[in-house]
Every structure is written in C-alpha cells, then in structure tokens.
C-alpha cells in the first residue's frame, strides 16, 4: 500500500554542486546548487537548473561558461554558507578564505579548495518554468591526487561528496559501495 504525497521533486539524493561564474565586473562567484547532474555521456555534458532570480543566472548567460565544484563532507558548513548568501552582496571567496582560480578551458572560476571541478561550456538552454535548464559540455575535469585511485579514476569514498535531500533540506554523506554495476544482476541470475 502506498500513500499519495503530492507532486514534488522527490529525488533522493541530489548532488551538491558549486557553480562558479564571473559576474559583469569579472568578480568570481560561487553558488550552491542541487538541481542537476549528468545529462549526456558523448559528448560529456552536465546540467544545472537555476532560477532567473539568482545572481549566477545572469553571469552564466553572459559568459556562456561555468564550473561545477564538488566539495567533500568536511566542507559542508562552507557549502551551506555559499548557499545562504548572495554574490550580489557578498564576496564568497573572501568570506570563506577560499582561493579563486581561473579555469583553463572556459571563462569561469573555481575554488582551489574543492577536490573535484568540471569546466563547462554552455551548449544548451531550456526554459522550464521557474527554473532554466543549462547544459554544459565538460571541457576538462580537475581532481586532487588524493581522490584518485590507482587507475586515475575518482574514488567516491575518498572524495566524500555531499548529497542533498531537497524536500527535507538536509545534507547527507555518501556511504560505502553496494557492489559493481552490470555485475550484481548477473550474480542473481537476472
């Protein structure tokens, strides 16, 4: 038996992403966002959905580029700070004591302190209603050595990414592996 609980975005969890853009004056800014994720594998593309009212929205439209930074769980208070103040009135890099870096492949900044960064060029925009979906083609990914495994791939447990539960407004940690994809089903005869 299931109970109807209404039409809402019950997607658990969502990734917490730090969207990096330059404003019209060339000031670096970060925005915390949880509406987004992977949308294409070839070419590699990610998407984020932003409200027009956000400061980042105008910067992204103007510069046609953004970065997505993925912080680790030790940075959750910093991430929450980024998400609770506006770049219109706050220099978030200065507020946190973080270091802005210019992305090499796109016209956008990122925080040096964040262990994983995707440099993205805006390739599609779709008006959805309250939010606009921005699709960015990933031009490069930057990872700290400490989150890479022996094969040079991201070790999710070393990254310790932050997940977000939007409806209940809470942050969560990613736990251990449940098994390998494309293997578990075969093991049970599926």
N, C-alpha and C. Protein backbone atom coordinates (compact mmCIF):
# COMPACT_ATOMS: atom_id res chain seq x y z
N UNK A 1 0.84 -1.19 0.00
CA UNK A 1 0.00 0.00 0.00
C UNK A 1 0.88 1.25 0.00
N UNK A 2 0.58 2.17 -0.87
CA UNK A 2 1.30 3.44 -0.93
C UNK A 2 0.32 4.58 -0.74
N UNK A 3 0.81 5.69 -0.15
CA UNK A 3 0.00 6.87 0.09
C UNK A 3 0.44 7.98 -0.85
N UNK A 4 -0.50 8.65 -1.48
CA UNK A 4 -0.18 9.79 -2.34
C UNK A 4 0.34 10.92 -1.46
N UNK A 5 1.52 11.45 -1.81
CA UNK A 5 2.10 12.55 -1.01
C UNK A 5 2.29 13.81 -1.85
N UNK A 6 1.72 13.84 -3.05
CA UNK A 6 1.73 15.05 -3.86
C UNK A 6 2.83 15.07 -4.89
N UNK A 7 2.67 15.99 -5.85
CA UNK A 7 3.63 16.14 -6.95
C UNK A 7 4.74 17.10 -6.53
N UNK A 8 5.86 16.54 -6.16
CA UNK A 8 7.04 17.31 -5.78
C UNK A 8 8.26 16.61 -6.33
N UNK A 9 9.39 17.24 -6.22
CA UNK A 9 10.63 16.68 -6.75
C UNK A 9 11.28 15.74 -5.75
N UNK A 10 10.65 14.59 -5.56
CA UNK A 10 11.17 13.59 -4.63
C UNK A 10 12.27 12.77 -5.29
N UNK A 11 13.43 13.36 -5.43
CA UNK A 11 14.60 12.67 -5.95
C UNK A 11 15.63 12.68 -4.84
N UNK A 12 15.97 11.51 -4.33
CA UNK A 12 16.90 11.43 -3.20
C UNK A 12 18.10 10.57 -3.57
N UNK A 13 19.30 10.96 -3.28
CA UNK A 13 19.68 12.33 -3.00
C UNK A 13 20.04 13.02 -4.31
N UNK A 14 20.32 14.31 -4.22
CA UNK A 14 20.81 15.06 -5.37
C UNK A 14 22.25 15.48 -5.06
N UNK A 15 23.07 15.69 -6.09
CA UNK A 15 24.44 16.12 -5.82
C UNK A 15 24.46 17.58 -5.38
N UNK A 16 25.38 17.92 -4.53
CA UNK A 16 25.60 19.32 -4.18
C UNK A 16 26.73 19.81 -5.07
N UNK A 17 26.44 20.84 -5.86
CA UNK A 17 27.40 21.37 -6.81
C UNK A 17 27.65 22.84 -6.54
N UNK A 18 28.89 23.26 -6.65
CA UNK A 18 29.23 24.67 -6.51
C UNK A 18 29.43 25.22 -7.91
N UNK A 19 28.51 26.09 -8.33
CA UNK A 19 28.54 26.66 -9.67
C UNK A 19 29.42 27.91 -9.64
N UNK A 20 30.49 27.88 -10.42
CA UNK A 20 31.41 29.01 -10.48
C UNK A 20 31.20 29.84 -11.74
N UNK A 21 31.04 31.16 -11.57
CA UNK A 21 30.90 32.08 -12.70
C UNK A 21 31.61 33.39 -12.38
N UNK A 22 31.90 34.15 -13.42
CA UNK A 22 32.37 35.54 -13.27
C UNK A 22 31.18 36.46 -13.52
N UNK A 23 31.06 37.52 -12.72
CA UNK A 23 30.00 38.49 -12.98
C UNK A 23 30.47 39.51 -14.02
N UNK A 24 29.65 40.51 -14.30
CA UNK A 24 29.96 41.51 -15.33
C UNK A 24 31.25 42.27 -15.05
N UNK A 25 31.60 42.41 -13.79
CA UNK A 25 32.82 43.13 -13.41
C UNK A 25 34.03 42.20 -13.34
N UNK A 26 33.82 40.93 -13.65
CA UNK A 26 34.90 39.95 -13.61
C UNK A 26 35.16 39.37 -12.23
N UNK A 27 34.24 39.64 -11.28
CA UNK A 27 34.38 39.08 -9.92
C UNK A 27 33.97 37.61 -9.92
N UNK A 28 34.80 36.74 -9.30
CA UNK A 28 34.42 35.33 -9.22
C UNK A 28 33.33 35.12 -8.18
N UNK A 29 32.44 34.20 -8.47
CA UNK A 29 31.34 33.90 -7.55
C UNK A 29 31.06 32.40 -7.57
N UNK A 30 30.54 31.92 -6.44
CA UNK A 30 30.10 30.54 -6.32
C UNK A 30 28.65 30.51 -5.86
N UNK A 31 27.92 29.56 -6.37
CA UNK A 31 26.54 29.33 -5.95
C UNK A 31 26.39 27.85 -5.63
N UNK A 32 25.72 27.52 -4.55
CA UNK A 32 25.42 26.12 -4.25
C UNK A 32 24.14 25.74 -4.98
N UNK A 33 24.17 24.62 -5.68
CA UNK A 33 23.00 24.15 -6.42
C UNK A 33 22.86 22.64 -6.24
N UNK A 34 21.63 22.19 -6.26
CA UNK A 34 21.38 20.75 -6.13
C UNK A 34 20.46 20.24 -7.23
N UNK A 35 20.04 21.12 -8.11
CA UNK A 35 19.18 20.72 -9.20
C UNK A 35 20.08 20.49 -10.41
N UNK A 36 20.47 19.24 -10.65
CA UNK A 36 21.31 18.97 -11.80
C UNK A 36 21.99 17.62 -11.73
N UNK A 37 22.81 17.37 -12.74
CA UNK A 37 23.55 16.12 -12.80
C UNK A 37 24.02 15.83 -14.20
N UNK A 38 24.32 14.58 -14.47
CA UNK A 38 24.79 14.13 -15.78
C UNK A 38 23.60 14.11 -16.74
N UNK A 39 23.82 14.58 -17.99
CA UNK A 39 22.73 14.51 -18.96
C UNK A 39 23.16 13.91 -20.30
N UNK A 40 24.47 13.70 -20.51
CA UNK A 40 24.93 13.06 -21.74
C UNK A 40 26.34 12.53 -21.51
N UNK A 41 26.63 11.38 -22.12
CA UNK A 41 27.98 10.82 -21.97
C UNK A 41 28.89 11.13 -23.15
N UNK A 42 28.33 11.34 -24.35
CA UNK A 42 29.16 11.66 -25.50
C UNK A 42 28.43 12.66 -26.38
N UNK A 43 28.80 13.92 -26.40
CA UNK A 43 29.91 14.48 -25.62
C UNK A 43 29.54 14.53 -24.15
N UNK A 44 30.55 14.58 -23.27
CA UNK A 44 30.24 14.60 -21.84
C UNK A 44 29.56 15.92 -21.46
N UNK A 45 28.33 15.82 -20.97
CA UNK A 45 27.56 17.01 -20.60
C UNK A 45 26.91 16.84 -19.23
N UNK A 46 26.82 17.96 -18.54
CA UNK A 46 26.12 18.03 -17.25
C UNK A 46 25.09 19.13 -17.35
N UNK A 47 24.12 19.10 -16.45
CA UNK A 47 23.10 20.14 -16.46
C UNK A 47 22.87 20.66 -15.05
N UNK A 48 22.46 21.91 -15.02
CA UNK A 48 22.03 22.53 -13.76
C UNK A 48 20.79 23.35 -14.07
N UNK A 49 19.90 23.44 -13.10
CA UNK A 49 18.69 24.23 -13.26
C UNK A 49 18.73 25.37 -12.25
N UNK A 50 18.64 26.60 -12.76
CA UNK A 50 18.72 27.79 -11.91
C UNK A 50 17.50 28.66 -12.10
N UNK A 51 17.13 29.35 -11.03
CA UNK A 51 16.08 30.35 -11.12
C UNK A 51 16.67 31.64 -11.70
N UNK A 52 15.88 32.34 -12.49
CA UNK A 52 16.31 33.60 -13.10
C UNK A 52 16.71 34.62 -12.02
N UNK A 53 16.13 34.53 -10.85
CA UNK A 53 16.38 35.49 -9.77
C UNK A 53 17.77 35.36 -9.15
N UNK A 54 18.47 34.26 -9.41
CA UNK A 54 19.79 34.09 -8.79
C UNK A 54 20.82 34.99 -9.47
N UNK A 55 21.82 35.38 -8.73
CA UNK A 55 22.90 36.21 -9.27
C UNK A 55 23.69 35.45 -10.32
N UNK A 56 23.86 34.17 -10.12
CA UNK A 56 24.62 33.32 -11.04
C UNK A 56 23.96 33.21 -12.40
N UNK A 57 22.64 33.24 -12.45
CA UNK A 57 21.90 33.09 -13.70
C UNK A 57 22.41 34.07 -14.76
N UNK A 58 22.43 35.36 -14.45
CA UNK A 58 22.85 36.38 -15.41
C UNK A 58 24.30 36.22 -15.83
N UNK A 59 25.14 35.86 -14.87
CA UNK A 59 26.56 35.66 -15.17
C UNK A 59 26.77 34.50 -16.12
N UNK A 60 26.05 33.42 -15.89
CA UNK A 60 26.17 32.23 -16.73
C UNK A 60 25.69 32.53 -18.15
N UNK A 61 24.57 33.24 -18.27
CA UNK A 61 24.04 33.59 -19.59
C UNK A 61 25.03 34.49 -20.33
N UNK A 62 25.60 35.45 -19.64
CA UNK A 62 26.52 36.40 -20.27
C UNK A 62 27.83 35.75 -20.70
N UNK A 63 28.44 34.94 -19.81
CA UNK A 63 29.76 34.37 -20.07
C UNK A 63 29.71 33.04 -20.84
N UNK A 64 28.54 32.39 -20.86
CA UNK A 64 28.35 31.12 -21.56
C UNK A 64 29.32 30.04 -21.08
N UNK A 65 29.63 30.10 -19.80
CA UNK A 65 30.54 29.12 -19.20
C UNK A 65 30.29 29.05 -17.71
N UNK A 66 30.65 27.90 -17.12
CA UNK A 66 30.55 27.74 -15.67
C UNK A 66 31.44 26.57 -15.27
N UNK A 67 31.74 26.51 -13.99
CA UNK A 67 32.40 25.34 -13.44
C UNK A 67 31.45 24.69 -12.45
N UNK A 68 31.62 23.41 -12.25
CA UNK A 68 30.90 22.70 -11.19
C UNK A 68 31.96 22.14 -10.26
N UNK A 69 31.92 22.55 -9.00
CA UNK A 69 32.83 22.05 -8.00
C UNK A 69 32.10 21.11 -7.06
N UNK A 70 32.79 20.06 -6.67
CA UNK A 70 32.21 19.08 -5.76
C UNK A 70 33.06 19.05 -4.49
N UNK A 71 32.47 19.56 -3.41
CA UNK A 71 33.16 19.65 -2.12
C UNK A 71 33.08 18.32 -1.38
N UNK A 72 33.90 18.16 -0.37
CA UNK A 72 33.86 16.95 0.46
C UNK A 72 33.08 17.25 1.74
N UNK A 73 32.70 16.21 2.44
CA UNK A 73 31.82 16.37 3.61
C UNK A 73 32.41 17.27 4.68
N UNK A 74 33.74 17.37 4.77
CA UNK A 74 34.35 18.27 5.75
C UNK A 74 34.06 19.74 5.42
N UNK A 75 33.62 20.01 4.20
CA UNK A 75 33.36 21.38 3.76
C UNK A 75 31.87 21.72 3.77
N UNK A 76 31.06 20.89 4.40
CA UNK A 76 29.61 21.08 4.33
C UNK A 76 29.16 22.42 4.92
N UNK A 77 29.77 22.90 5.98
CA UNK A 77 29.39 24.21 6.54
C UNK A 77 29.73 25.34 5.56
N UNK A 78 30.87 25.21 4.87
CA UNK A 78 31.23 26.20 3.85
C UNK A 78 30.24 26.18 2.70
N UNK A 79 29.87 24.99 2.27
CA UNK A 79 28.90 24.85 1.18
C UNK A 79 27.57 25.48 1.59
N UNK A 80 27.14 25.25 2.81
CA UNK A 80 25.88 25.83 3.28
C UNK A 80 25.98 27.36 3.32
N UNK A 81 27.13 27.88 3.72
CA UNK A 81 27.33 29.33 3.71
C UNK A 81 27.19 29.87 2.29
N UNK A 82 27.81 29.20 1.33
CA UNK A 82 27.72 29.61 -0.07
C UNK A 82 26.27 29.63 -0.52
N UNK A 83 25.49 28.67 -0.05
CA UNK A 83 24.10 28.57 -0.46
C UNK A 83 23.14 29.50 0.26
N UNK A 84 23.61 30.17 1.29
CA UNK A 84 22.70 31.02 2.06
C UNK A 84 23.00 32.51 1.96
N UNK A 85 23.94 32.89 1.08
CA UNK A 85 24.17 34.32 0.85
C UNK A 85 24.31 34.55 -0.65
N UNK A 86 24.14 35.78 -1.08
CA UNK A 86 24.16 36.10 -2.50
C UNK A 86 25.46 36.78 -2.91
N UNK A 87 25.92 36.44 -4.10
CA UNK A 87 27.08 37.09 -4.68
C UNK A 87 26.84 38.55 -5.01
N UNK A 88 25.58 38.96 -5.00
CA UNK A 88 25.28 40.39 -5.22
C UNK A 88 25.87 41.24 -4.11
N UNK A 89 25.85 40.69 -2.89
CA UNK A 89 26.27 41.49 -1.74
C UNK A 89 27.46 40.90 -0.98
N UNK A 90 27.86 39.68 -1.29
CA UNK A 90 28.95 39.03 -0.57
C UNK A 90 30.00 38.52 -1.55
N UNK A 91 31.26 38.68 -1.18
CA UNK A 91 32.35 38.00 -1.89
C UNK A 91 32.54 36.68 -1.15
N UNK A 92 32.00 35.61 -1.70
CA UNK A 92 32.00 34.33 -1.00
C UNK A 92 33.41 33.75 -0.85
N UNK A 93 34.28 34.02 -1.81
CA UNK A 93 35.67 33.56 -1.69
C UNK A 93 36.33 34.23 -0.49
N UNK A 94 36.14 35.54 -0.37
CA UNK A 94 36.72 36.28 0.76
C UNK A 94 36.09 35.84 2.07
N UNK A 95 34.79 35.67 2.07
CA UNK A 95 34.06 35.25 3.27
C UNK A 95 34.60 33.94 3.84
N UNK A 96 34.90 32.99 2.95
CA UNK A 96 35.36 31.67 3.37
C UNK A 96 36.88 31.56 3.45
N UNK A 97 37.59 32.55 2.91
CA UNK A 97 39.05 32.44 2.85
C UNK A 97 39.48 31.46 1.78
N UNK A 98 38.63 31.25 0.76
CA UNK A 98 38.94 30.35 -0.34
C UNK A 98 39.67 31.09 -1.45
N UNK A 99 40.34 30.34 -2.31
CA UNK A 99 41.15 30.89 -3.38
C UNK A 99 40.47 30.70 -4.73
N UNK A 100 40.12 31.79 -5.43
CA UNK A 100 39.54 31.63 -6.77
C UNK A 100 40.65 31.33 -7.79
N UNK A 101 40.36 30.41 -8.68
CA UNK A 101 41.27 30.07 -9.79
C UNK A 101 40.50 30.20 -11.10
N UNK A 102 41.15 30.69 -12.12
CA UNK A 102 40.53 30.78 -13.43
C UNK A 102 40.64 29.42 -14.11
N UNK A 103 39.52 28.93 -14.61
CA UNK A 103 39.52 27.68 -15.35
C UNK A 103 40.37 27.85 -16.61
N UNK A 104 41.03 26.80 -16.99
CA UNK A 104 41.92 26.87 -18.15
C UNK A 104 41.17 26.80 -19.48
N UNK A 105 40.04 26.09 -19.52
CA UNK A 105 39.36 25.83 -20.78
C UNK A 105 38.07 26.62 -20.99
N UNK A 106 37.56 27.27 -19.95
CA UNK A 106 36.33 28.06 -20.07
C UNK A 106 36.48 29.35 -19.27
N UNK A 107 35.59 30.31 -19.55
CA UNK A 107 35.63 31.61 -18.90
C UNK A 107 34.84 31.58 -17.58
N UNK A 108 35.38 30.88 -16.61
CA UNK A 108 34.71 30.74 -15.32
C UNK A 108 35.75 30.41 -14.25
N UNK A 109 35.43 30.74 -12.99
CA UNK A 109 36.34 30.43 -11.88
C UNK A 109 35.92 29.16 -11.15
N UNK A 110 36.82 28.69 -10.31
CA UNK A 110 36.50 27.62 -9.38
C UNK A 110 37.28 27.87 -8.09
N UNK A 111 36.90 27.16 -7.04
CA UNK A 111 37.59 27.27 -5.76
C UNK A 111 38.70 26.24 -5.70
N UNK A 112 39.92 26.70 -5.45
CA UNK A 112 41.08 25.82 -5.36
C UNK A 112 40.90 24.77 -4.26
N UNK A 113 40.15 25.08 -3.24
CA UNK A 113 39.97 24.20 -2.08
C UNK A 113 39.05 23.00 -2.35
N UNK A 114 38.30 23.03 -3.45
CA UNK A 114 37.34 21.97 -3.77
C UNK A 114 38.07 20.85 -4.51
N UNK A 115 37.89 19.59 -4.08
CA UNK A 115 38.68 18.49 -4.63
C UNK A 115 38.36 18.06 -6.07
N UNK A 116 37.17 18.36 -6.58
CA UNK A 116 36.80 17.95 -7.93
C UNK A 116 36.09 19.11 -8.62
N UNK A 117 36.54 19.43 -9.84
CA UNK A 117 35.97 20.54 -10.60
C UNK A 117 35.77 20.11 -12.04
N UNK A 118 34.61 20.47 -12.60
CA UNK A 118 34.33 20.27 -14.02
C UNK A 118 34.27 21.65 -14.69
N UNK A 119 35.01 21.83 -15.77
CA UNK A 119 34.98 23.08 -16.54
C UNK A 119 33.98 22.88 -17.67
N UNK A 120 32.97 23.75 -17.74
CA UNK A 120 31.85 23.53 -18.66
C UNK A 120 31.58 24.73 -19.56
N UNK A 121 31.36 24.44 -20.83
CA UNK A 121 30.95 25.44 -21.81
C UNK A 121 29.46 25.29 -22.03
N UNK A 122 28.71 26.39 -21.92
CA UNK A 122 27.27 26.35 -22.11
C UNK A 122 26.94 25.99 -23.56
N UNK A 123 26.15 24.92 -23.75
CA UNK A 123 25.79 24.50 -25.11
C UNK A 123 24.28 24.51 -25.37
N UNK A 124 23.46 24.45 -24.32
CA UNK A 124 22.00 24.48 -24.49
C UNK A 124 21.36 25.15 -23.29
N UNK A 125 20.24 25.82 -23.55
CA UNK A 125 19.45 26.45 -22.50
C UNK A 125 17.99 26.11 -22.78
N UNK A 126 17.26 25.71 -21.75
CA UNK A 126 15.86 25.36 -21.91
C UNK A 126 15.05 25.98 -20.77
N UNK A 127 14.10 26.84 -21.13
CA UNK A 127 13.21 27.43 -20.13
C UNK A 127 12.18 26.39 -19.72
N UNK A 128 12.08 26.13 -18.41
CA UNK A 128 11.18 25.08 -17.95
C UNK A 128 9.98 25.61 -17.17
N UNK A 129 10.05 26.79 -16.65
CA UNK A 129 9.06 27.35 -15.74
C UNK A 129 9.81 28.24 -14.77
N UNK A 130 9.76 27.91 -13.50
CA UNK A 130 10.52 28.68 -12.51
C UNK A 130 12.02 28.56 -12.73
N UNK A 131 12.46 27.44 -13.26
CA UNK A 131 13.89 27.20 -13.49
C UNK A 131 14.23 27.14 -14.98
N UNK A 132 15.48 27.47 -15.27
CA UNK A 132 16.03 27.31 -16.62
C UNK A 132 17.09 26.22 -16.54
N UNK A 133 17.03 25.29 -17.47
CA UNK A 133 18.00 24.21 -17.52
C UNK A 133 19.16 24.65 -18.40
N UNK A 134 20.36 24.59 -17.84
CA UNK A 134 21.58 24.92 -18.57
C UNK A 134 22.36 23.63 -18.76
N UNK A 135 22.70 23.34 -20.01
CA UNK A 135 23.51 22.16 -20.32
C UNK A 135 24.91 22.64 -20.68
N UNK A 136 25.88 22.09 -19.98
CA UNK A 136 27.26 22.44 -20.24
C UNK A 136 28.05 21.24 -20.70
N UNK A 137 28.83 21.43 -21.77
CA UNK A 137 29.73 20.38 -22.21
C UNK A 137 30.99 20.46 -21.37
N UNK A 138 31.38 19.34 -20.79
CA UNK A 138 32.56 19.29 -19.93
C UNK A 138 33.80 19.35 -20.82
N UNK A 139 34.60 20.39 -20.63
CA UNK A 139 35.82 20.58 -21.41
C UNK A 139 37.04 20.01 -20.69
N UNK A 140 36.95 19.92 -19.37
CA UNK A 140 38.03 19.31 -18.59
C UNK A 140 37.51 19.02 -17.19
N UNK A 141 38.15 18.07 -16.54
CA UNK A 141 37.87 17.76 -15.14
C UNK A 141 39.18 17.83 -14.38
N UNK A 142 39.15 18.47 -13.22
CA UNK A 142 40.33 18.63 -12.38
C UNK A 142 40.09 17.92 -11.06
N UNK A 143 41.01 17.04 -10.69
CA UNK A 143 40.85 16.27 -9.46
C UNK A 143 42.12 16.31 -8.64
N UNK A 144 41.98 16.50 -7.33
CA UNK A 144 43.13 16.40 -6.43
C UNK A 144 43.64 14.96 -6.46
N UNK A 145 44.94 14.81 -6.35
CA UNK A 145 45.54 13.47 -6.38
C UNK A 145 44.95 12.56 -5.31
N UNK A 146 44.60 13.09 -4.16
CA UNK A 146 44.10 12.29 -3.05
C UNK A 146 42.76 11.63 -3.27
N UNK A 147 42.03 12.04 -4.32
CA UNK A 147 40.73 11.40 -4.58
C UNK A 147 40.78 10.45 -5.78
N UNK A 148 41.98 10.26 -6.32
CA UNK A 148 42.14 9.36 -7.47
C UNK A 148 42.61 7.98 -7.01
N UNK A 149 42.07 6.94 -7.64
CA UNK A 149 42.52 5.59 -7.32
C UNK A 149 43.75 5.25 -8.16
N UNK A 150 44.23 4.04 -8.05
CA UNK A 150 45.45 3.62 -8.75
C UNK A 150 45.31 3.68 -10.27
N UNK A 151 44.07 3.64 -10.78
CA UNK A 151 43.84 3.71 -12.22
C UNK A 151 43.57 5.14 -12.71
N UNK A 152 43.68 6.12 -11.79
CA UNK A 152 43.44 7.52 -12.16
C UNK A 152 41.97 7.89 -12.23
N UNK A 153 41.10 7.07 -11.66
CA UNK A 153 39.66 7.34 -11.63
C UNK A 153 39.28 7.92 -10.26
N UNK A 154 38.15 8.61 -10.21
CA UNK A 154 37.68 9.18 -8.95
C UNK A 154 37.29 8.06 -7.99
N UNK A 155 37.83 8.12 -6.79
CA UNK A 155 37.44 7.21 -5.71
C UNK A 155 36.37 7.94 -4.91
N UNK A 156 35.14 7.52 -5.07
CA UNK A 156 34.00 8.22 -4.45
C UNK A 156 34.16 8.30 -2.93
N UNK A 157 34.65 7.25 -2.31
CA UNK A 157 34.81 7.28 -0.86
C UNK A 157 35.92 8.23 -0.43
N UNK A 158 36.94 8.43 -1.26
CA UNK A 158 37.99 9.40 -0.95
C UNK A 158 37.49 10.82 -1.19
N UNK A 159 36.66 11.02 -2.22
CA UNK A 159 36.08 12.34 -2.49
C UNK A 159 35.16 12.76 -1.35
N UNK A 160 34.38 11.83 -0.83
CA UNK A 160 33.40 12.09 0.22
C UNK A 160 32.43 13.20 -0.19
N UNK A 161 31.74 13.03 -1.34
CA UNK A 161 30.85 14.08 -1.82
C UNK A 161 29.65 14.29 -0.90
N UNK A 162 29.10 15.47 -1.00
CA UNK A 162 27.93 15.84 -0.21
C UNK A 162 26.69 15.61 -1.06
N UNK A 163 25.70 14.96 -0.49
CA UNK A 163 24.41 14.78 -1.15
C UNK A 163 23.38 15.64 -0.42
N UNK A 164 22.30 15.98 -1.11
CA UNK A 164 21.29 16.86 -0.55
C UNK A 164 19.91 16.24 -0.73
N UNK A 165 19.08 16.36 0.28
CA UNK A 165 17.68 15.93 0.20
C UNK A 165 16.82 17.20 0.13
N UNK A 166 16.43 17.62 -1.09
CA UNK A 166 15.78 18.92 -1.27
C UNK A 166 14.50 19.14 -0.47
N UNK A 167 13.61 18.18 -0.49
CA UNK A 167 12.31 18.39 0.16
C UNK A 167 12.46 18.57 1.67
N UNK A 168 13.38 17.85 2.28
CA UNK A 168 13.55 17.96 3.73
C UNK A 168 14.72 18.89 4.11
N UNK A 169 15.42 19.43 3.09
CA UNK A 169 16.51 20.39 3.28
C UNK A 169 17.58 19.90 4.25
N UNK A 170 18.18 18.77 3.89
CA UNK A 170 19.25 18.25 4.73
C UNK A 170 20.37 17.67 3.88
N UNK A 171 21.59 17.78 4.40
CA UNK A 171 22.78 17.26 3.73
C UNK A 171 23.03 15.84 4.21
N UNK A 172 23.62 15.03 3.33
CA UNK A 172 23.90 13.63 3.65
C UNK A 172 25.26 13.23 3.11
N UNK A 173 25.83 12.23 3.72
CA UNK A 173 27.11 11.67 3.27
C UNK A 173 26.83 10.45 2.40
N UNK A 174 27.73 10.21 1.46
CA UNK A 174 27.64 9.02 0.63
C UNK A 174 28.29 7.88 1.39
N UNK A 175 27.63 6.74 1.45
CA UNK A 175 28.16 5.60 2.19
C UNK A 175 29.02 4.70 1.32
N UNK A 176 29.24 3.50 1.78
CA UNK A 176 30.08 2.54 1.08
C UNK A 176 29.44 1.96 -0.17
N UNK A 177 30.23 1.26 -0.93
CA UNK A 177 29.77 0.64 -2.17
C UNK A 177 28.80 -0.50 -1.87
N UNK A 178 27.79 -0.64 -2.71
CA UNK A 178 26.84 -1.74 -2.60
C UNK A 178 27.18 -2.87 -3.56
N UNK A 179 28.11 -2.62 -4.47
CA UNK A 179 28.50 -3.61 -5.45
C UNK A 179 28.74 -2.96 -6.79
N UNK A 180 29.22 -3.74 -7.73
CA UNK A 180 29.54 -3.23 -9.07
C UNK A 180 28.34 -3.31 -9.99
N UNK A 181 28.12 -2.21 -10.73
CA UNK A 181 27.02 -2.21 -11.70
C UNK A 181 27.34 -3.19 -12.83
N UNK A 182 26.30 -3.67 -13.45
CA UNK A 182 26.39 -4.65 -14.53
C UNK A 182 26.97 -5.99 -14.04
N UNK A 183 27.03 -6.18 -12.72
CA UNK A 183 27.54 -7.42 -12.14
C UNK A 183 26.53 -8.01 -11.16
N UNK A 184 25.96 -7.17 -10.30
CA UNK A 184 25.05 -7.65 -9.27
C UNK A 184 23.85 -8.41 -9.85
N UNK A 185 23.26 -7.87 -10.92
CA UNK A 185 22.12 -8.54 -11.54
C UNK A 185 22.49 -9.89 -12.13
N UNK A 186 23.67 -9.97 -12.70
CA UNK A 186 24.13 -11.24 -13.28
C UNK A 186 24.36 -12.28 -12.19
N UNK A 187 24.81 -11.83 -11.04
CA UNK A 187 25.09 -12.74 -9.92
C UNK A 187 23.81 -13.39 -9.41
N UNK A 188 22.69 -12.70 -9.51
CA UNK A 188 21.44 -13.27 -9.03
C UNK A 188 20.68 -13.97 -10.14
N UNK A 189 21.29 -14.01 -11.32
CA UNK A 189 20.66 -14.73 -12.43
C UNK A 189 19.74 -13.85 -13.23
N UNK A 190 19.85 -12.52 -13.10
CA UNK A 190 18.97 -11.60 -13.82
C UNK A 190 19.53 -11.09 -15.09
